[in-house]
Amino acid sequence: MEKKPMVSVVMPVYNCEMYIEASVNSILNQTFTDFELLIIDDCSTDKTKDIIKGFDDKRIIFIEKPKNTGYTNSLNYALQLVNGKYIARMDGDDVSLLNRFKAQVDFLENNEDVVACGTIFKYLNTETTIGLPEYDGDIKLAMLSGNSMAHPSVMMRSSVIREHKIQYNKEREPAEDYDLWVELMTFGKLHNLQKVYLEYRKHTSQVSAVRRMQQNESAIKTRIKLIKYVYKDLPLYHEENLVEIYRQEQRSFSDVKQYLDFKNEFLIRNNGFFKKEGVSIYFSNVEKKLLKNYLLKRNSFSFRALFEYLKLRSMLSYKSTFTESLKLILKSFMLFKYRVCF
């Protein structure tokens, strides 16, 4: 029986002829050599396929899709084919440092409760390093604000992916990786090694730049999914209010009160899923942004706005500064003569 590799590397590619050679070489030259490299081409129209076919290494499994179906589809296709104990992610325009796989395999072999291990990273050809939280509790907390694992740096346990039939959610593209980490955290711990093992190429054509609005909407849905791990029967009215708050839309007095009710109920239900102090600070920061958006950045003021602010102030964990409060009061008096109401 043919021995299965320890690691299956998943690399979806599309029109990356300028970078693919360096990316593939950074995998083939790893100090840890027991891996297979699955490269899935999504119908590239440049020289990407020719460059890949020029490599002579039996560890490469090159798959040419007959139809362009997108990045997430390529990822899910690859997940069905992997043979390794671990699944390492890699993109066709980034560079993995030579000891990356060794460091991640060693860590996962010694920490069986960890389901996914990423690393901090630096931007290619710069000295800019991007830090990420190291431990599971801190990563979970950071996930409330956004993605806190670098997708092309991650190595996962294939047994968890297989046993629970986990896939990337195409509806969450182009933030499908953020959704995957939130899915995986219910089956074990997440971890980020605090050493740079990936050089990430930043350029204007990347998905995160051209589809930022869609990415933000996807991230909000994943954030709600994460909140529901604690508040399992989250009422629809709370969910809809949270979505608008995360979009930074203008909210009414009743919406602000409703958010405060949600926050208090969430903190009661938390029961250790998130760090108590950290999650309180997180929701206080959301509250601060909500208050500023509702009161301190509005274009019209009235005595009604002032009275509502005074009612809310006793209920808020965030206390506005003297300057902010004075600004509101002065605007209310100044604009009252024009009878600006809302």
C-alpha atoms as a PDB file:
ATOM      1  CA  MET A   1       0.000   0.000   0.000  1.00  0.00           C
ATOM      2  CA  GLU A   2       1.339   3.404  -0.973  1.00  0.00           C
ATOM      3  CA  LYS A   3       2.310   5.503   2.021  1.00  0.00           C
ATOM      4  CA  LYS A   4       0.173   8.616   2.464  1.00  0.00           C
ATOM      5  CA  PRO A   5       1.955  11.953   2.889  1.00  0.00           C
ATOM      6  CA  MET A   6       1.923  13.752   6.208  1.00  0.00           C
ATOM      7  CA  VAL A   7       0.829  17.025   4.595  1.00  0.00           C
ATOM      8  CA  SER A   8      -1.399  17.862   1.638  1.00  0.00           C
ATOM      9  CA  VAL A   9      -0.742  21.348   0.290  1.00  0.00           C
ATOM     10  CA  VAL A  10      -3.772  22.979  -1.370  1.00  0.00           C
ATOM     11  CA  MET A  11      -2.923  25.670  -3.924  1.00  0.00           C
ATOM     12  CA  PRO A  12      -5.702  27.080  -6.156  1.00  0.00           C
ATOM     13  CA  VAL A  13      -4.318  29.166  -9.029  1.00  0.00           C
ATOM     14  CA  TYR A  14      -5.634  31.459 -11.744  1.00  0.00           C
ATOM     15  CA  ASN A  15      -3.588  33.701 -14.037  1.00  0.00           C
ATOM     16  CA  CYS A  16      -0.574  34.113 -11.760  1.00  0.00           C
ATOM     17  CA  GLU A  17       2.233  33.587 -14.292  1.00  0.00           C
ATOM     18  CA  MET A  18       4.331  36.362 -12.755  1.00  0.00           C
ATOM     19  CA  TYR A  19       4.457  34.744  -9.312  1.00  0.00           C
ATOM     20  CA  ILE A  20       3.675  31.031  -9.577  1.00  0.00           C
ATOM     21  CA  GLU A  21       7.260  29.828 -10.037  1.00  0.00           C
ATOM     22  CA  ALA A  22       8.496  31.475  -6.832  1.00  0.00           C
ATOM     23  CA  SER A  23       5.418  30.284  -4.945  1.00  0.00           C
ATOM     24  CA  VAL A  24       5.781  26.630  -6.018  1.00  0.00           C
ATOM     25  CA  ASN A  25       9.519  26.664  -5.370  1.00  0.00           C
ATOM     26  CA  SER A  26       8.926  27.921  -1.829  1.00  0.00           C
ATOM     27  CA  ILE A  27       6.890  24.757  -1.222  1.00  0.00           C
ATOM     28  CA  LEU A  28       9.161  22.292  -3.009  1.00  0.00           C
ATOM     29  CA  ASN A  29      12.180  23.629  -1.085  1.00  0.00           C
ATOM     30  CA  GLN A  30      10.627  23.161   2.364  1.00  0.00           C
ATOM     31  CA  THR A  31      12.893  21.495   4.929  1.00  0.00           C
ATOM     32  CA  PHE A  32       9.937  19.213   5.747  1.00  0.00           C
ATOM     33  CA  THR A  33       9.569  17.082   2.610  1.00  0.00           C
ATOM     34  CA  ASP A  34       6.748  14.598   3.335  1.00  0.00           C
ATOM     35  CA  PHE A  35       3.940  16.314   1.424  1.00  0.00           C
ATOM     36  CA  GLU A  36       1.881  16.307  -1.739  1.00  0.00           C
ATOM     37  CA  LEU A  37       1.203  19.563  -3.571  1.00  0.00           C
ATOM     38  CA  LEU A  38      -2.264  19.787  -5.122  1.00  0.00           C
ATOM     39  CA  ILE A  39      -2.386  22.632  -7.628  1.00  0.00           C
ATOM     40  CA  ILE A  40      -5.862  23.327  -9.006  1.00  0.00           C
ATOM     41  CA  ASP A  41      -5.918  25.589 -12.049  1.00  0.00           C
ATOM     42  CA  ASP A  42      -9.205  27.452 -12.662  1.00  0.00           C
ATOM     43  CA  CYS A  43      -8.817  27.728 -16.460  1.00  0.00           C
ATOM     44  CA  SER A  44      -5.937  30.209 -16.529  1.00  0.00           C
ATOM     45  CA  THR A  45      -5.574  32.113 -19.781  1.00  0.00           C
ATOM     46  CA  ASP A  46      -1.934  33.148 -19.332  1.00  0.00           C
ATOM     47  CA  LYS A  47       1.215  30.995 -18.986  1.00  0.00           C
ATOM     48  CA  THR A  48       0.426  29.736 -15.473  1.00  0.00           C
ATOM     49  CA  LYS A  49      -0.283  26.162 -16.627  1.00  0.00           C
ATOM     50  CA  ASP A  50       2.846  25.972 -18.776  1.00  0.00           C
ATOM     51  CA  ILE A  51       5.040  27.088 -15.892  1.00  0.00           C
ATOM     52  CA  ILE A  52       3.520  24.509 -13.541  1.00  0.00           C
ATOM     53  CA  LYS A  53       3.974  21.723 -16.113  1.00  0.00           C
ATOM     54  CA  GLY A  54       7.632  22.689 -16.328  1.00  0.00           C
ATOM     55  CA  PHE A  55       8.289  21.437 -12.783  1.00  0.00           C
ATOM     56  CA  ASP A  56       9.653  17.905 -12.486  1.00  0.00           C
ATOM     57  CA  ASP A  57       8.635  16.788  -8.995  1.00  0.00           C
ATOM     58  CA  LYS A  58       6.500  13.728  -8.226  1.00  0.00           C
ATOM     59  CA  ARG A  59       4.969  15.471  -5.221  1.00  0.00           C
ATOM     60  CA  ILE A  60       3.049  17.815  -7.542  1.00  0.00           C
ATOM     61  CA  ILE A  61      -0.494  16.768  -8.474  1.00  0.00           C
ATOM     62  CA  PHE A  62      -1.677  19.176 -11.136  1.00  0.00           C
ATOM     63  CA  ILE A  63      -5.404  19.401 -11.839  1.00  0.00           C
ATOM     64  CA  GLU A  64      -6.853  21.479 -14.672  1.00  0.00           C
ATOM     65  CA  LYS A  65     -10.516  22.298 -14.170  1.00  0.00           C
ATOM     66  CA  PRO A  66     -12.561  22.064 -17.382  1.00  0.00           C
ATOM     67  CA  LYS A  67     -14.576  25.157 -16.462  1.00  0.00           C
ATOM     68  CA  ASN A  68     -13.849  28.318 -14.520  1.00  0.00           C
ATOM     69  CA  THR A  69     -15.933  27.993 -11.336  1.00  0.00           C
ATOM     70  CA  GLY A  70     -14.080  30.242  -8.921  1.00  0.00           C
ATOM     71  CA  TYR A  71     -11.623  30.207  -6.049  1.00  0.00           C
ATOM     72  CA  THR A  72     -13.894  28.697  -3.385  1.00  0.00           C
ATOM     73  CA  ASN A  73     -14.942  25.893  -5.695  1.00  0.00           C
ATOM     74  CA  SER A  74     -11.262  25.080  -6.302  1.00  0.00           C
ATOM     75  CA  LEU A  75     -10.639  24.946  -2.551  1.00  0.00           C
ATOM     76  CA  ASN A  76     -13.554  22.590  -1.925  1.00  0.00           C
ATOM     77  CA  TYR A  77     -12.553  20.391  -4.876  1.00  0.00           C
ATOM     78  CA  ALA A  78      -9.073  20.049  -3.394  1.00  0.00           C
ATOM     79  CA  LEU A  79     -10.440  19.156   0.056  1.00  0.00           C
ATOM     80  CA  GLN A  80     -12.031  16.067  -1.495  1.00  0.00           C
ATOM     81  CA  LEU A  81      -8.684  14.890  -2.871  1.00  0.00           C
ATOM     82  CA  VAL A  82      -6.267  15.384   0.016  1.00  0.00           C
ATOM     83  CA  ASN A  83      -4.492  12.366   1.498  1.00  0.00           C
ATOM     84  CA  GLY A  84      -2.406  13.957   4.224  1.00  0.00           C
ATOM     85  CA  LYS A  85      -2.913  14.030   7.966  1.00  0.00           C
ATOM     86  CA  TYR A  86      -2.671  17.808   7.701  1.00  0.00           C
ATOM     87  CA  ILE A  87      -3.865  20.289   5.071  1.00  0.00           C
ATOM     88  CA  ALA A  88      -1.601  23.262   4.384  1.00  0.00           C
ATOM     89  CA  ARG A  89      -2.946  26.258   2.493  1.00  0.00           C
ATOM     90  CA  MET A  90      -0.952  28.211  -0.015  1.00  0.00           C
ATOM     91  CA  ASP A  91      -1.740  30.737  -2.746  1.00  0.00           C
ATOM     92  CA  GLY A  92      -0.030  31.067  -6.097  1.00  0.00           C
ATOM     93  CA  ASP A  93       1.369  34.528  -5.475  1.00  0.00           C
ATOM     94  CA  ASP A  94       2.791  34.183  -1.946  1.00  0.00           C
ATOM     95  CA  VAL A  95       6.020  32.700  -0.595  1.00  0.00           C
ATOM     96  CA  SER A  96       6.342  30.221   2.282  1.00  0.00           C
ATOM     97  CA  LEU A  97       9.572  30.387   4.261  1.00  0.00           C
ATOM     98  CA  LEU A  98      11.598  27.189   4.270  1.00  0.00           C
ATOM     99  CA  ASN A  99      10.847  25.962   7.816  1.00  0.00           C
ATOM    100  CA  ARG A 100       7.122  26.695   7.728  1.00  0.00           C
ATOM    101  CA  PHE A 101       5.851  23.110   7.375  1.00  0.00           C
ATOM    102  CA  LYS A 102       8.292  21.723   9.935  1.00  0.00           C
ATOM    103  CA  ALA A 103       7.237  24.300  12.509  1.00  0.00           C
ATOM    104  CA  GLN A 104       3.531  23.703  11.950  1.00  0.00           C
ATOM    105  CA  VAL A 105       3.720  19.903  11.869  1.00  0.00           C
ATOM    106  CA  ASP A 106       5.797  19.886  15.064  1.00  0.00           C
ATOM    107  CA  PHE A 107       3.267  22.135  16.767  1.00  0.00           C
ATOM    108  CA  LEU A 108       0.210  20.159  15.673  1.00  0.00           C
ATOM    109  CA  GLU A 109       1.822  16.838  16.582  1.00  0.00           C
ATOM    110  CA  ASN A 110       2.404  18.165  20.100  1.00  0.00           C
ATOM    111  CA  ASN A 111      -0.958  19.922  20.505  1.00  0.00           C
ATOM    112  CA  GLU A 112      -3.726  17.513  19.541  1.00  0.00           C
ATOM    113  CA  ASP A 113      -6.455  19.902  20.722  1.00  0.00           C
ATOM    114  CA  VAL A 114      -5.502  22.447  18.019  1.00  0.00           C
ATOM    115  CA  VAL A 115      -7.445  22.085  14.739  1.00  0.00           C
ATOM    116  CA  ALA A 116      -5.813  24.897  12.764  1.00  0.00           C
ATOM    117  CA  CYS A 117      -2.401  26.527  13.091  1.00  0.00           C
ATOM    118  CA  GLY A 118      -1.528  29.732  11.263  1.00  0.00           C
ATOM    119  CA  THR A 119       1.401  32.107  11.534  1.00  0.00           C
ATOM    120  CA  ILE A 120       2.092  35.804  11.560  1.00  0.00           C
ATOM    121  CA  PHE A 121       3.334  37.097   8.212  1.00  0.00           C
ATOM    122  CA  LYS A 122       5.105  39.922   6.448  1.00  0.00           C
ATOM    123  CA  TYR A 123       4.378  41.711   3.206  1.00  0.00           C
ATOM    124  CA  LEU A 124       6.666  40.517   0.440  1.00  0.00           C
ATOM    125  CA  ASN A 125       9.624  42.803  -0.326  1.00  0.00           C
ATOM    126  CA  THR A 126       8.942  44.961   2.739  1.00  0.00           C
ATOM    127  CA  GLU A 127       9.816  44.950   6.427  1.00  0.00           C
ATOM    128  CA  THR A 128       6.149  45.222   7.411  1.00  0.00           C
ATOM    129  CA  THR A 129       5.150  42.363   9.702  1.00  0.00           C
ATOM    130  CA  ILE A 130       1.500  41.725  10.531  1.00  0.00           C
ATOM    131  CA  GLY A 131       0.927  40.462  14.047  1.00  0.00           C
ATOM    132  CA  LEU A 132      -1.927  38.133  14.954  1.00  0.00           C
ATOM    133  CA  PRO A 133      -3.143  36.839  18.346  1.00  0.00           C
ATOM    134  CA  GLU A 134      -1.348  33.668  19.426  1.00  0.00           C
ATOM    135  CA  TYR A 135      -3.679  31.693  21.680  1.00  0.00           C
ATOM    136  CA  ASP A 136      -7.177  30.308  21.136  1.00  0.00           C
ATOM    137  CA  GLY A 137      -8.962  32.582  23.613  1.00  0.00           C
ATOM    138  CA  ASP A 138      -7.421  35.687  22.093  1.00  0.00           C
ATOM    139  CA  ILE A 139      -8.097  34.497  18.538  1.00  0.00           C
ATOM    140  CA  LYS A 140     -11.772  33.849  19.335  1.00  0.00           C
ATOM    141  CA  LEU A 141     -12.106  37.307  20.798  1.00  0.00           C
ATOM    142  CA  ALA A 142     -10.375  38.909  17.810  1.00  0.00           C
ATOM    143  CA  MET A 143     -12.704  37.029  15.459  1.00  0.00           C
ATOM    144  CA  LEU A 144     -15.562  39.181  16.769  1.00  0.00           C
ATOM    145  CA  SER A 145     -13.877  42.115  15.048  1.00  0.00           C
ATOM    146  CA  GLY A 146     -12.691  40.301  11.936  1.00  0.00           C
ATOM    147  CA  ASN A 147     -10.487  37.586  10.505  1.00  0.00           C
ATOM    148  CA  SER A 148      -7.489  36.895  12.723  1.00  0.00           C
ATOM    149  CA  MET A 149      -5.768  34.080  10.822  1.00  0.00           C
ATOM    150  CA  ALA A 150      -3.814  34.461   7.574  1.00  0.00           C
ATOM    151  CA  HIS A 151      -5.424  32.026   5.143  1.00  0.00           C
ATOM    152  CA  PRO A 152      -2.341  31.043   3.063  1.00  0.00           C
ATOM    153  CA  SER A 153      -0.344  30.459   6.264  1.00  0.00           C
ATOM    154  CA  VAL A 154      -2.723  27.939   7.858  1.00  0.00           C
ATOM    155  CA  MET A 155      -2.313  24.193   8.400  1.00  0.00           C
ATOM    156  CA  MET A 156      -5.409  22.208   9.464  1.00  0.00           C
ATOM    157  CA  ARG A 157      -6.232  18.689  10.666  1.00  0.00           C
ATOM    158  CA  SER A 158      -7.757  16.829   7.739  1.00  0.00           C
ATOM    159  CA  SER A 159      -9.522  14.396  10.120  1.00  0.00           C
ATOM    160  CA  VAL A 160     -11.700  17.245  11.425  1.00  0.00           C
ATOM    161  CA  ILE A 161     -12.464  18.446   7.890  1.00  0.00           C
ATOM    162  CA  ARG A 162     -13.371  14.934   6.791  1.00  0.00           C
ATOM    163  CA  GLU A 163     -15.307  13.712   9.836  1.00  0.00           C
ATOM    164  CA  HIS A 164     -17.510  16.800  10.045  1.00  0.00           C
ATOM    165  CA  LYS A 165     -17.845  17.261   6.267  1.00  0.00           C
ATOM    166  CA  ILE A 166     -16.550  20.811   6.517  1.00  0.00           C
ATOM    167  CA  GLN A 167     -16.240  22.911   3.375  1.00  0.00           C
ATOM    168  CA  TYR A 168     -15.635  26.514   2.500  1.00  0.00           C
ATOM    169  CA  ASN A 169     -18.939  28.367   2.229  1.00  0.00           C
ATOM    170  CA  LYS A 170     -19.207  29.802  -1.289  1.00  0.00           C
ATOM    171  CA  GLU A 171     -21.850  32.264  -0.074  1.00  0.00           C
ATOM    172  CA  ARG A 172     -19.217  33.839   2.187  1.00  0.00           C
ATOM    173  CA  GLU A 173     -16.775  34.551  -0.637  1.00  0.00           C
ATOM    174  CA  PRO A 174     -14.533  36.578  -0.649  1.00  0.00           C
ATOM    175  CA  ALA A 175     -14.317  36.107   3.149  1.00  0.00           C
ATOM    176  CA  GLU A 176     -14.762  32.335   2.989  1.00  0.00           C
ATOM    177  CA  ASP A 177     -11.691  31.697   5.122  1.00  0.00           C
ATOM    178  CA  TYR A 178     -13.014  33.827   8.010  1.00  0.00           C
ATOM    179  CA  ASP A 179     -16.181  31.734   7.993  1.00  0.00           C
ATOM    180  CA  LEU A 180     -14.137  28.515   7.966  1.00  0.00           C
ATOM    181  CA  TRP A 181     -12.154  29.493  11.080  1.00  0.00           C
ATOM    182  CA  VAL A 182     -15.396  30.282  12.905  1.00  0.00           C
ATOM    183  CA  GLU A 183     -16.713  26.862  11.834  1.00  0.00           C
ATOM    184  CA  LEU A 184     -13.546  25.067  12.954  1.00  0.00           C
ATOM    185  CA  MET A 185     -13.386  26.691  16.387  1.00  0.00           C
ATOM    186  CA  THR A 186     -16.322  24.532  17.539  1.00  0.00           C
ATOM    187  CA  PHE A 187     -14.198  21.397  17.030  1.00  0.00           C
ATOM    188  CA  GLY A 188     -10.959  22.484  18.689  1.00  0.00           C
ATOM    189  CA  LYS A 189      -8.524  25.293  19.309  1.00  0.00           C
ATOM    190  CA  LEU A 190      -6.975  27.781  16.891  1.00  0.00           C
ATOM    191  CA  HIS A 191      -3.377  28.954  17.147  1.00  0.00           C
ATOM    192  CA  ASN A 192      -1.003  31.390  15.432  1.00  0.00           C
ATOM    193  CA  LEU A 193       2.744  30.791  15.604  1.00  0.00           C
ATOM    194  CA  GLN A 194       4.495  34.028  16.523  1.00  0.00           C
ATOM    195  CA  LYS A 195       7.200  33.798  13.900  1.00  0.00           C
ATOM    196  CA  VAL A 196       7.005  34.897  10.271  1.00  0.00           C
ATOM    197  CA  TYR A 197       6.657  31.840   8.028  1.00  0.00           C
ATOM    198  CA  LEU A 198       4.851  33.473   5.107  1.00  0.00           C
ATOM    199  CA  GLU A 199       5.576  36.409   2.818  1.00  0.00           C
ATOM    200  CA  TYR A 200       2.269  37.763   1.536  1.00  0.00           C
ATOM    201  CA  ARG A 201       2.067  39.545  -1.788  1.00  0.00           C
ATOM    202  CA  LYS A 202      -0.092  42.667  -1.649  1.00  0.00           C
ATOM    203  CA  HIS A 203      -1.302  44.081  -4.937  1.00  0.00           C
ATOM    204  CA  THR A 204      -4.281  46.071  -6.195  1.00  0.00           C
ATOM    205  CA  SER A 205      -5.881  43.268  -8.195  1.00  0.00           C
ATOM    206  CA  GLN A 206      -6.529  41.102  -5.148  1.00  0.00           C
ATOM    207  CA  VAL A 207     -10.078  40.115  -4.254  1.00  0.00           C
ATOM    208  CA  SER A 208     -10.006  41.989  -0.942  1.00  0.00           C
ATOM    209  CA  ALA A 209      -9.468  45.284  -2.803  1.00  0.00           C
ATOM    210  CA  VAL A 210     -11.948  44.981  -5.669  1.00  0.00           C
ATOM    211  CA  ARG A 211     -14.754  43.317  -3.723  1.00  0.00           C
ATOM    212  CA  ARG A 212     -14.426  45.016  -0.351  1.00  0.00           C
ATOM    213  CA  MET A 213     -18.127  45.785   0.067  1.00  0.00           C
ATOM    214  CA  GLN A 214     -19.090  42.162  -0.561  1.00  0.00           C
ATOM    215  CA  GLN A 215     -16.320  41.056   1.769  1.00  0.00           C
ATOM    216  CA  ASN A 216     -17.631  43.314   4.535  1.00  0.00           C
ATOM    217  CA  GLU A 217     -21.171  41.972   4.126  1.00  0.00           C
ATOM    218  CA  SER A 218     -19.885  38.404   4.273  1.00  0.00           C
ATOM    219  CA  ALA A 219     -17.841  39.175   7.374  1.00  0.00           C
ATOM    220  CA  ILE A 220     -20.897  40.601   9.138  1.00  0.00           C
ATOM    221  CA  LYS A 221     -22.812  37.358   8.514  1.00  0.00           C
ATOM    222  CA  THR A 222     -19.932  35.327   9.908  1.00  0.00           C
ATOM    223  CA  ARG A 223     -19.751  37.608  12.953  1.00  0.00           C
ATOM    224  CA  ILE A 224     -23.447  36.962  13.617  1.00  0.00           C
ATOM    225  CA  LYS A 225     -22.753  33.222  13.277  1.00  0.00           C
ATOM    226  CA  LEU A 226     -20.041  33.542  15.917  1.00  0.00           C
ATOM    227  CA  ILE A 227     -22.326  35.491  18.257  1.00  0.00           C
ATOM    228  CA  LYS A 228     -24.896  32.706  17.946  1.00  0.00           C
ATOM    229  CA  TYR A 229     -22.449  30.224  19.462  1.00  0.00           C
ATOM    230  CA  VAL A 230     -23.170  32.018  22.740  1.00  0.00           C
ATOM    231  CA  TYR A 231     -26.639  33.458  22.105  1.00  0.00           C
ATOM    232  CA  LYS A 232     -28.059  30.371  20.368  1.00  0.00           C
ATOM    233  CA  ASP A 233     -31.682  31.584  20.159  1.00  0.00           C
ATOM    234  CA  LEU A 234     -30.789  35.135  19.106  1.00  0.00           C
ATOM    235  CA  PRO A 235     -34.098  36.843  18.194  1.00  0.00           C
ATOM    236  CA  LEU A 236     -34.382  38.095  14.636  1.00  0.00           C
ATOM    237  CA  TYR A 237     -34.905  41.695  15.779  1.00  0.00           C
ATOM    238  CA  HIS A 238     -31.580  41.612  17.637  1.00  0.00           C
ATOM    239  CA  GLU A 239     -29.845  40.072  14.623  1.00  0.00           C
ATOM    240  CA  GLU A 240     -31.227  42.678  12.221  1.00  0.00           C
ATOM    241  CA  ASN A 241     -30.247  45.483  14.580  1.00  0.00           C
ATOM    242  CA  LEU A 242     -26.711  44.120  14.929  1.00  0.00           C
ATOM    243  CA  VAL A 243     -26.300  43.879  11.162  1.00  0.00           C
ATOM    244  CA  GLU A 244     -27.204  47.561  10.783  1.00  0.00           C
ATOM    245  CA  ILE A 245     -24.909  48.527  13.645  1.00  0.00           C
ATOM    246  CA  TYR A 246     -22.002  46.634  12.071  1.00  0.00           C
ATOM    247  CA  ARG A 247     -22.768  48.421   8.808  1.00  0.00           C
ATOM    248  CA  GLN A 248     -22.528  51.670  10.811  1.00  0.00           C
ATOM    249  CA  GLU A 249     -25.991  52.728   9.715  1.00  0.00           C
ATOM    250  CA  GLN A 250     -27.845  55.453  11.612  1.00  0.00           C
ATOM    251  CA  ARG A 251     -29.893  53.905  14.442  1.00  0.00           C
ATOM    252  CA  SER A 252     -32.866  55.191  16.420  1.00  0.00           C
ATOM    253  CA  PHE A 253     -33.187  55.694  20.154  1.00  0.00           C
ATOM    254  CA  SER A 254     -35.082  52.389  20.463  1.00  0.00           C
ATOM    255  CA  ASP A 255     -32.389  50.620  18.403  1.00  0.00           C
ATOM    256  CA  VAL A 256     -29.697  51.809  20.816  1.00  0.00           C
ATOM    257  CA  LYS A 257     -31.738  50.601  23.789  1.00  0.00           C
ATOM    258  CA  GLN A 258     -32.306  47.295  22.038  1.00  0.00           C
ATOM    259  CA  TYR A 259     -28.559  46.884  21.514  1.00  0.00           C
ATOM    260  CA  LEU A 260     -27.970  47.464  25.231  1.00  0.00           C
ATOM    261  CA  ASP A 261     -30.518  44.754  26.042  1.00  0.00           C
ATOM    262  CA  PHE A 262     -28.744  42.389  23.648  1.00  0.00           C
ATOM    263  CA  LYS A 263     -25.329  43.168  25.130  1.00  0.00           C
ATOM    264  CA  ASN A 264     -26.462  42.504  28.699  1.00  0.00           C
ATOM    265  CA  GLU A 265     -28.125  39.223  27.703  1.00  0.00           C
ATOM    266  CA  PHE A 266     -25.047  38.105  25.743  1.00  0.00           C
ATOM    267  CA  LEU A 267     -22.711  38.763  28.669  1.00  0.00           C
ATOM    268  CA  ILE A 268     -24.969  36.694  30.943  1.00  0.00           C
ATOM    269  CA  ARG A 269     -24.975  33.807  28.478  1.00  0.00           C
ATOM    270  CA  ASN A 270     -21.262  33.939  27.616  1.00  0.00           C
ATOM    271  CA  ASN A 271     -20.276  31.374  30.271  1.00  0.00           C
ATOM    272  CA  GLY A 272     -16.594  31.289  29.365  1.00  0.00           C
ATOM    273  CA  PHE A 273     -16.786  30.889  25.581  1.00  0.00           C
ATOM    274  CA  PHE A 274     -15.151  34.305  25.252  1.00  0.00           C
ATOM    275  CA  LYS A 275     -12.836  35.808  27.837  1.00  0.00           C
ATOM    276  CA  LYS A 276     -15.100  37.740  30.209  1.00  0.00           C
ATOM    277  CA  GLU A 277     -13.110  40.956  30.403  1.00  0.00           C
ATOM    278  CA  GLY A 278     -12.184  40.952  26.735  1.00  0.00           C
ATOM    279  CA  VAL A 279     -15.719  40.455  25.449  1.00  0.00           C
ATOM    280  CA  SER A 280     -16.999  43.213  27.742  1.00  0.00           C
ATOM    281  CA  ILE A 281     -14.417  45.588  26.272  1.00  0.00           C
ATOM    282  CA  TYR A 282     -15.363  44.509  22.745  1.00  0.00           C
ATOM    283  CA  PHE A 283     -19.059  45.267  23.218  1.00  0.00           C
ATOM    284  CA  SER A 284     -18.254  48.533  24.974  1.00  0.00           C
ATOM    285  CA  ASN A 285     -16.260  49.569  21.904  1.00  0.00           C
ATOM    286  CA  VAL A 286     -19.187  48.662  19.649  1.00  0.00           C
ATOM    287  CA  GLU A 287     -21.391  50.696  21.966  1.00  0.00           C
ATOM    288  CA  LYS A 288     -19.022  53.663  21.710  1.00  0.00           C
ATOM    289  CA  LYS A 289     -19.138  53.628  17.910  1.00  0.00           C
ATOM    290  CA  LEU A 290     -22.907  53.242  18.000  1.00  0.00           C
ATOM    291  CA  LEU A 291     -23.326  56.193  20.366  1.00  0.00           C
ATOM    292  CA  LYS A 292     -21.065  58.434  18.308  1.00  0.00           C
ATOM    293  CA  ASN A 293     -22.855  57.466  15.113  1.00  0.00           C
ATOM    294  CA  TYR A 294     -26.287  57.989  16.676  1.00  0.00           C
ATOM    295  CA  LEU A 295     -25.699  61.237  18.541  1.00  0.00           C
ATOM    296  CA  LEU A 296     -22.363  62.873  17.982  1.00  0.00           C
ATOM    297  CA  LYS A 297     -22.120  62.596  14.194  1.00  0.00           C
ATOM    298  CA  ARG A 298     -25.679  63.388  13.258  1.00  0.00           C
ATOM    299  CA  ASN A 299     -26.448  66.345  11.001  1.00  0.00           C
ATOM    300  CA  SER A 300     -29.548  67.505  12.855  1.00  0.00           C
ATOM    301  CA  PHE A 301     -30.140  68.010  16.564  1.00  0.00           C
ATOM    302  CA  SER A 302     -33.058  68.910  18.801  1.00  0.00           C
ATOM    303  CA  PHE A 303     -33.904  68.972  22.484  1.00  0.00           C
ATOM    304  CA  ARG A 304     -35.384  65.535  21.926  1.00  0.00           C
ATOM    305  CA  ALA A 305     -31.975  64.220  20.905  1.00  0.00           C
ATOM    306  CA  LEU A 306     -30.490  65.785  24.015  1.00  0.00           C
ATOM    307  CA  PHE A 307     -33.108  64.235  26.311  1.00  0.00           C
ATOM    308  CA  GLU A 308     -32.637  60.818  24.708  1.00  0.00           C
ATOM    309  CA  TYR A 309     -28.906  61.128  25.165  1.00  0.00           C
ATOM    310  CA  LEU A 310     -29.354  61.878  28.862  1.00  0.00           C
ATOM    311  CA  LYS A 311     -31.639  58.846  29.223  1.00  0.00           C
ATOM    312  CA  LEU A 312     -29.105  56.605  27.500  1.00  0.00           C
ATOM    313  CA  ARG A 313     -26.121  57.937  29.392  1.00  0.00           C
ATOM    314  CA  SER A 314     -27.074  56.174  32.629  1.00  0.00           C
ATOM    315  CA  MET A 315     -27.434  52.876  30.750  1.00  0.00           C
ATOM    316  CA  LEU A 316     -24.152  52.999  28.831  1.00  0.00           C
ATOM    317  CA  SER A 317     -20.861  51.456  29.845  1.00  0.00           C
ATOM    318  CA  TYR A 318     -19.189  53.965  27.506  1.00  0.00           C
ATOM    319  CA  LYS A 319     -19.262  57.471  28.943  1.00  0.00           C
ATOM    320  CA  SER A 320     -18.782  60.247  26.434  1.00  0.00           C
ATOM    321  CA  THR A 321     -16.115  62.824  27.170  1.00  0.00           C
ATOM    322  CA  PHE A 322     -16.959  66.300  28.480  1.00  0.00           C
ATOM    323  CA  THR A 323     -16.093  67.770  25.071  1.00  0.00           C
ATOM    324  CA  GLU A 324     -18.388  65.326  23.259  1.00  0.00           C
ATOM    325  CA  SER A 325     -21.259  66.001  25.664  1.00  0.00           C
ATOM    326  CA  LEU A 326     -20.773  69.774  25.401  1.00  0.00           C
ATOM    327  CA  LYS A 327     -20.737  69.531  21.615  1.00  0.00           C
ATOM    328  CA  LEU A 328     -24.114  67.775  21.645  1.00  0.00           C
ATOM    329  CA  ILE A 329     -25.682  70.235  24.077  1.00  0.00           C
ATOM    330  CA  LEU A 330     -24.470  73.303  22.155  1.00  0.00           C
ATOM    331  CA  LYS A 331     -25.681  71.917  18.839  1.00  0.00           C
ATOM    332  CA  SER A 332     -29.046  71.082  20.361  1.00  0.00           C
ATOM    333  CA  PHE A 333     -29.522  74.644  21.624  1.00  0.00           C
ATOM    334  CA  MET A 334     -28.168  76.244  18.455  1.00  0.00           C
ATOM    335  CA  LEU A 335     -30.377  74.221  16.136  1.00  0.00           C
ATOM    336  CA  PHE A 336     -33.469  74.292  18.303  1.00  0.00           C
ATOM    337  CA  LYS A 337     -34.388  77.754  17.025  1.00  0.00           C
ATOM    338  CA  TYR A 338     -34.706  76.241  13.562  1.00  0.00           C
ATOM    339  CA  ARG A 339     -36.936  73.514  15.003  1.00  0.00           C
ATOM    340  CA  VAL A 340     -34.852  70.711  13.524  1.00  0.00           C
ATOM    341  CA  CYS A 341     -36.490  67.519  14.658  1.00  0.00           C
ATOM    342  CA  PHE A 342     -36.116  63.874  13.759  1.00  0.00           C
END
